[in-house]
N, C-alpha and C. Protein backbone atom coordinates (compact mmCIF):
# COMPACT_ATOMS: atom_id res chain seq x y z
N MET A 1 9.53 112.77 28.45
CA MET A 1 9.79 111.48 28.97
C MET A 1 8.91 111.18 30.18
N PHE A 2 9.21 110.08 30.84
CA PHE A 2 8.34 109.62 31.91
C PHE A 2 8.69 110.22 33.28
N ILE A 3 9.84 110.78 33.46
CA ILE A 3 10.26 111.34 34.74
C ILE A 3 9.97 112.83 34.72
N SER A 4 9.17 113.27 35.66
CA SER A 4 8.86 114.70 35.73
C SER A 4 9.82 115.37 36.71
N SER A 5 10.03 116.62 36.55
CA SER A 5 10.93 117.38 37.41
C SER A 5 10.22 117.70 38.72
N ALA A 6 10.95 117.62 39.81
CA ALA A 6 10.39 117.96 41.13
C ALA A 6 10.91 119.33 41.52
N TYR A 7 10.04 120.16 41.98
CA TYR A 7 10.40 121.50 42.38
C TYR A 7 10.16 121.64 43.88
N ALA A 8 11.12 122.21 44.57
CA ALA A 8 10.99 122.42 46.01
C ALA A 8 10.03 123.57 46.26
N GLN A 9 9.19 123.37 47.25
CA GLN A 9 8.28 124.44 47.60
C GLN A 9 8.94 125.30 48.67
N SER A 10 8.68 126.56 48.61
CA SER A 10 9.26 127.44 49.62
C SER A 10 8.46 127.30 50.91
N ALA A 11 9.18 127.31 52.04
CA ALA A 11 8.55 127.17 53.34
C ALA A 11 7.88 128.47 53.71
N PRO A 12 6.79 128.44 54.45
CA PRO A 12 6.13 129.67 54.86
C PRO A 12 7.02 130.48 55.81
N ALA A 13 6.80 131.76 55.90
CA ALA A 13 7.65 132.66 56.69
C ALA A 13 7.53 132.37 58.18
N ALA A 14 6.40 131.89 58.64
CA ALA A 14 6.19 131.64 60.07
C ALA A 14 6.72 130.28 60.50
N ALA A 15 7.40 129.55 59.66
CA ALA A 15 7.87 128.20 59.98
C ALA A 15 8.93 128.22 61.08
N GLY A 16 9.69 129.28 61.24
CA GLY A 16 10.72 129.35 62.27
C GLY A 16 10.14 129.22 63.66
N SER A 17 9.02 129.85 63.93
CA SER A 17 8.41 129.78 65.26
C SER A 17 7.74 128.43 65.48
N THR A 18 7.19 127.81 64.46
CA THR A 18 6.57 126.50 64.64
C THR A 18 7.63 125.42 64.83
N ASP A 19 8.81 125.59 64.26
CA ASP A 19 9.88 124.62 64.46
C ASP A 19 10.31 124.60 65.92
N LEU A 20 10.40 125.76 66.55
CA LEU A 20 10.80 125.85 67.94
C LEU A 20 9.75 125.21 68.85
N SER A 21 8.50 125.52 68.61
CA SER A 21 7.44 124.96 69.45
C SER A 21 7.30 123.46 69.23
N SER A 22 7.49 122.99 68.01
CA SER A 22 7.38 121.56 67.77
C SER A 22 8.55 120.80 68.40
N SER A 23 9.74 121.40 68.43
CA SER A 23 10.87 120.73 69.08
C SER A 23 10.68 120.68 70.59
N LEU A 24 10.08 121.76 71.16
CA LEU A 24 9.79 121.73 72.59
C LEU A 24 8.72 120.70 72.92
N MET A 25 7.74 120.58 72.08
CA MET A 25 6.67 119.60 72.30
C MET A 25 7.19 118.17 72.16
N SER A 26 8.18 117.98 71.31
CA SER A 26 8.73 116.63 71.16
C SER A 26 9.60 116.25 72.36
N MET A 27 10.11 117.22 73.10
CA MET A 27 10.91 116.94 74.29
C MET A 27 10.05 116.77 75.53
N LEU A 28 8.80 117.19 75.48
CA LEU A 28 7.90 117.13 76.63
C LEU A 28 7.74 115.70 77.17
N PRO A 29 7.51 114.67 76.35
CA PRO A 29 7.39 113.32 76.91
C PRO A 29 8.65 112.87 77.64
N LEU A 30 9.82 113.25 77.15
CA LEU A 30 11.08 112.88 77.80
C LEU A 30 11.19 113.54 79.17
N VAL A 31 10.83 114.80 79.25
CA VAL A 31 10.88 115.52 80.52
C VAL A 31 9.87 114.93 81.51
N LEU A 32 8.68 114.61 81.04
CA LEU A 32 7.67 114.01 81.90
C LEU A 32 8.10 112.63 82.40
N MET A 33 8.75 111.84 81.53
CA MET A 33 9.23 110.52 81.94
C MET A 33 10.29 110.65 83.03
N PHE A 34 11.21 111.60 82.89
CA PHE A 34 12.23 111.81 83.91
C PHE A 34 11.60 112.23 85.22
N ALA A 35 10.61 113.10 85.18
CA ALA A 35 9.94 113.56 86.40
C ALA A 35 9.26 112.40 87.11
N VAL A 36 8.59 111.54 86.36
CA VAL A 36 7.92 110.38 86.97
C VAL A 36 8.96 109.44 87.57
N LEU A 37 10.06 109.17 86.87
CA LEU A 37 11.11 108.30 87.41
C LEU A 37 11.70 108.88 88.68
N TYR A 38 11.88 110.19 88.72
CA TYR A 38 12.44 110.82 89.91
C TYR A 38 11.53 110.60 91.11
N PHE A 39 10.23 110.84 90.95
CA PHE A 39 9.33 110.72 92.08
C PHE A 39 8.99 109.27 92.43
N VAL A 40 9.10 108.35 91.49
CA VAL A 40 8.76 106.95 91.76
C VAL A 40 9.96 106.14 92.22
N MET A 41 11.16 106.44 91.70
CA MET A 41 12.32 105.60 92.01
C MET A 41 13.43 106.32 92.78
N ILE A 42 13.86 107.45 92.31
CA ILE A 42 15.05 108.09 92.85
C ILE A 42 14.79 108.69 94.24
N ARG A 43 13.72 109.43 94.37
CA ARG A 43 13.43 110.10 95.64
C ARG A 43 13.19 109.11 96.79
N PRO A 44 12.39 108.04 96.61
CA PRO A 44 12.22 107.08 97.70
C PRO A 44 13.53 106.38 98.09
N GLN A 45 14.39 106.09 97.11
CA GLN A 45 15.67 105.45 97.41
C GLN A 45 16.55 106.37 98.24
N MET A 46 16.58 107.65 97.91
CA MET A 46 17.37 108.61 98.69
C MET A 46 16.82 108.71 100.11
N LYS A 47 15.51 108.64 100.26
CA LYS A 47 14.89 108.70 101.59
C LYS A 47 15.28 107.48 102.42
N ARG A 48 15.26 106.28 101.80
CA ARG A 48 15.66 105.06 102.52
C ARG A 48 17.12 105.12 102.94
N GLN A 49 17.99 105.63 102.07
CA GLN A 49 19.41 105.74 102.41
C GLN A 49 19.61 106.69 103.59
N LYS A 50 18.89 107.78 103.61
CA LYS A 50 19.00 108.74 104.70
C LYS A 50 18.52 108.12 106.01
N GLU A 51 17.41 107.38 105.98
CA GLU A 51 16.89 106.72 107.18
C GLU A 51 17.87 105.66 107.69
N HIS A 52 18.49 104.90 106.78
CA HIS A 52 19.46 103.87 107.18
C HIS A 52 20.68 104.51 107.82
N LYS A 53 21.15 105.60 107.26
CA LYS A 53 22.32 106.29 107.82
C LYS A 53 22.00 106.81 109.22
N THR A 54 20.82 107.38 109.40
CA THR A 54 20.40 107.88 110.71
C THR A 54 20.32 106.74 111.72
N MET A 55 19.78 105.58 111.30
CA MET A 55 19.66 104.43 112.19
C MET A 55 21.04 103.94 112.61
N ILE A 56 21.98 103.87 111.67
CA ILE A 56 23.32 103.37 111.98
C ILE A 56 24.04 104.33 112.93
N GLU A 57 23.87 105.62 112.72
CA GLU A 57 24.51 106.60 113.61
C GLU A 57 23.93 106.57 115.01
N ALA A 58 22.67 106.16 115.14
CA ALA A 58 22.00 106.15 116.44
C ALA A 58 22.20 104.83 117.20
N LEU A 59 22.93 103.88 116.64
CA LEU A 59 23.15 102.61 117.32
C LEU A 59 23.86 102.84 118.65
N GLY A 60 23.43 102.06 119.65
CA GLY A 60 24.06 102.17 120.96
C GLY A 60 24.33 100.80 121.53
N LYS A 61 25.14 100.78 122.56
CA LYS A 61 25.48 99.52 123.24
C LYS A 61 24.20 98.95 123.86
N GLY A 62 23.98 97.67 123.64
CA GLY A 62 22.79 97.00 124.18
C GLY A 62 21.63 96.92 123.20
N ASP A 63 21.72 97.59 122.06
CA ASP A 63 20.67 97.50 121.05
C ASP A 63 20.65 96.10 120.44
N GLU A 64 19.47 95.61 120.16
CA GLU A 64 19.31 94.32 119.48
C GLU A 64 19.06 94.61 118.01
N VAL A 65 19.85 93.95 117.16
CA VAL A 65 19.82 94.27 115.73
C VAL A 65 19.74 93.01 114.88
N ALA A 66 19.34 93.20 113.63
CA ALA A 66 19.39 92.18 112.59
C ALA A 66 20.38 92.67 111.54
N THR A 67 21.17 91.74 110.99
CA THR A 67 22.20 92.12 110.02
C THR A 67 21.84 91.63 108.63
N VAL A 68 22.63 92.06 107.65
CA VAL A 68 22.44 91.65 106.26
C VAL A 68 22.57 90.13 106.14
N GLY A 69 23.48 89.54 106.88
CA GLY A 69 23.71 88.10 106.81
C GLY A 69 22.67 87.28 107.55
N GLY A 70 21.73 87.92 108.23
CA GLY A 70 20.68 87.19 108.94
C GLY A 70 20.97 86.96 110.40
N PHE A 71 22.07 87.47 110.91
CA PHE A 71 22.39 87.32 112.32
C PHE A 71 21.51 88.25 113.16
N LEU A 72 21.06 87.72 114.30
CA LEU A 72 20.35 88.51 115.29
C LEU A 72 21.22 88.54 116.53
N GLY A 73 21.38 89.70 117.12
CA GLY A 73 22.21 89.76 118.30
C GLY A 73 22.15 91.11 118.98
N ARG A 74 22.97 91.22 120.04
CA ARG A 74 23.01 92.43 120.85
C ARG A 74 24.37 93.10 120.66
N VAL A 75 24.35 94.41 120.47
CA VAL A 75 25.57 95.18 120.29
C VAL A 75 26.29 95.27 121.63
N THR A 76 27.59 94.87 121.64
CA THR A 76 28.36 94.94 122.88
C THR A 76 29.43 96.02 122.84
N GLN A 77 29.98 96.31 121.66
CA GLN A 77 30.99 97.36 121.53
C GLN A 77 30.75 98.12 120.23
N LEU A 78 31.10 99.38 120.25
CA LEU A 78 30.95 100.23 119.06
C LEU A 78 32.25 100.98 118.80
N SER A 79 32.60 101.09 117.53
CA SER A 79 33.67 101.99 117.12
C SER A 79 33.12 102.83 115.97
N GLU A 80 33.97 103.61 115.35
CA GLU A 80 33.50 104.53 114.31
C GLU A 80 32.88 103.79 113.12
N HIS A 81 33.52 102.72 112.67
CA HIS A 81 33.05 102.00 111.48
C HIS A 81 32.60 100.57 111.77
N ASN A 82 32.93 100.03 112.93
CA ASN A 82 32.64 98.63 113.25
C ASN A 82 31.84 98.52 114.53
N LEU A 83 31.30 97.34 114.74
CA LEU A 83 30.63 97.03 116.00
C LEU A 83 30.84 95.56 116.31
N THR A 84 30.73 95.22 117.58
CA THR A 84 30.82 93.84 118.01
C THR A 84 29.43 93.40 118.40
N LEU A 85 29.03 92.26 117.88
CA LEU A 85 27.67 91.75 118.07
C LEU A 85 27.74 90.42 118.79
N GLU A 86 27.03 90.30 119.89
CA GLU A 86 26.95 89.03 120.62
C GLU A 86 25.75 88.26 120.06
N ILE A 87 26.04 87.12 119.40
CA ILE A 87 24.96 86.35 118.78
C ILE A 87 24.53 85.17 119.64
N ALA A 88 25.33 84.80 120.62
CA ALA A 88 25.00 83.77 121.60
C ALA A 88 25.87 84.05 122.82
N ARG A 89 25.61 83.37 123.92
CA ARG A 89 26.42 83.59 125.12
C ARG A 89 27.87 83.25 124.83
N GLY A 90 28.74 84.25 124.97
CA GLY A 90 30.16 84.04 124.76
C GLY A 90 30.60 84.01 123.31
N VAL A 91 29.68 84.20 122.36
CA VAL A 91 30.02 84.19 120.94
C VAL A 91 29.81 85.61 120.39
N GLU A 92 30.91 86.24 120.02
CA GLU A 92 30.83 87.59 119.50
C GLU A 92 31.46 87.65 118.11
N ILE A 93 30.86 88.45 117.26
CA ILE A 93 31.41 88.67 115.92
C ILE A 93 31.57 90.18 115.71
N GLN A 94 32.52 90.52 114.87
CA GLN A 94 32.75 91.92 114.57
C GLN A 94 32.24 92.20 113.15
N LEU A 95 31.46 93.26 113.01
CA LEU A 95 30.83 93.62 111.75
C LEU A 95 31.04 95.09 111.45
N GLN A 96 30.85 95.43 110.20
CA GLN A 96 30.79 96.84 109.84
C GLN A 96 29.42 97.37 110.23
N ARG A 97 29.35 98.62 110.59
CA ARG A 97 28.07 99.21 110.98
C ARG A 97 27.04 99.14 109.84
N SER A 98 27.52 99.26 108.61
CA SER A 98 26.60 99.27 107.48
C SER A 98 25.92 97.91 107.26
N ALA A 99 26.40 96.85 107.93
CA ALA A 99 25.79 95.52 107.80
C ALA A 99 24.49 95.41 108.59
N VAL A 100 24.23 96.36 109.45
CA VAL A 100 22.99 96.34 110.25
C VAL A 100 21.84 96.81 109.38
N THR A 101 20.79 96.00 109.31
CA THR A 101 19.64 96.37 108.49
C THR A 101 18.46 96.86 109.31
N GLN A 102 18.39 96.43 110.59
CA GLN A 102 17.21 96.77 111.37
C GLN A 102 17.56 96.74 112.84
N VAL A 103 17.04 97.70 113.58
CA VAL A 103 17.13 97.68 115.03
C VAL A 103 15.83 97.07 115.54
N LEU A 104 15.98 96.00 116.32
CA LEU A 104 14.81 95.26 116.81
C LEU A 104 14.35 95.82 118.16
N PRO A 105 13.09 95.61 118.50
CA PRO A 105 12.61 96.03 119.82
C PRO A 105 13.32 95.24 120.92
N LYS A 106 13.49 95.86 122.07
CA LYS A 106 14.15 95.19 123.21
C LYS A 106 13.40 93.91 123.56
N GLY A 107 14.15 92.84 123.81
CA GLY A 107 13.56 91.55 124.17
C GLY A 107 13.25 90.67 122.98
N SER A 108 13.57 91.11 121.76
CA SER A 108 13.29 90.30 120.57
C SER A 108 14.21 89.08 120.47
N VAL A 109 15.46 89.25 120.90
CA VAL A 109 16.42 88.15 120.85
C VAL A 109 16.39 87.47 122.21
N LYS A 110 15.94 86.21 122.25
CA LYS A 110 15.70 85.51 123.51
C LYS A 110 16.83 84.58 123.95
N ASN A 111 17.89 84.42 123.13
CA ASN A 111 18.90 83.42 123.45
C ASN A 111 20.04 83.96 124.31
N PHE A 112 19.78 84.93 125.17
CA PHE A 112 20.84 85.45 126.02
C PHE A 112 20.54 85.12 127.46
């Protein structure tokens, strides 16, 4: 008839070692991609978080700061998690320490 029989060929004896090496080679691009992502994205973000934490811990009374909300002012009181910021003469707001994004050089805020 028109349909011929198909016969399976036996695999060579050394195929076990090539299967292991080929599976390792197929995982190599995935490992390389993770390594690149770590050095390009994850590591710099961890460094920024560490710098921000150090900056917040080093805040002192009289420091001039910028906040997440865009307020510029001078720190008048500090507690463990909060701070009081004077944004104008006689106008003070209370913020969480984590809301501070930048410590400004002395004399940057001129409205006092």
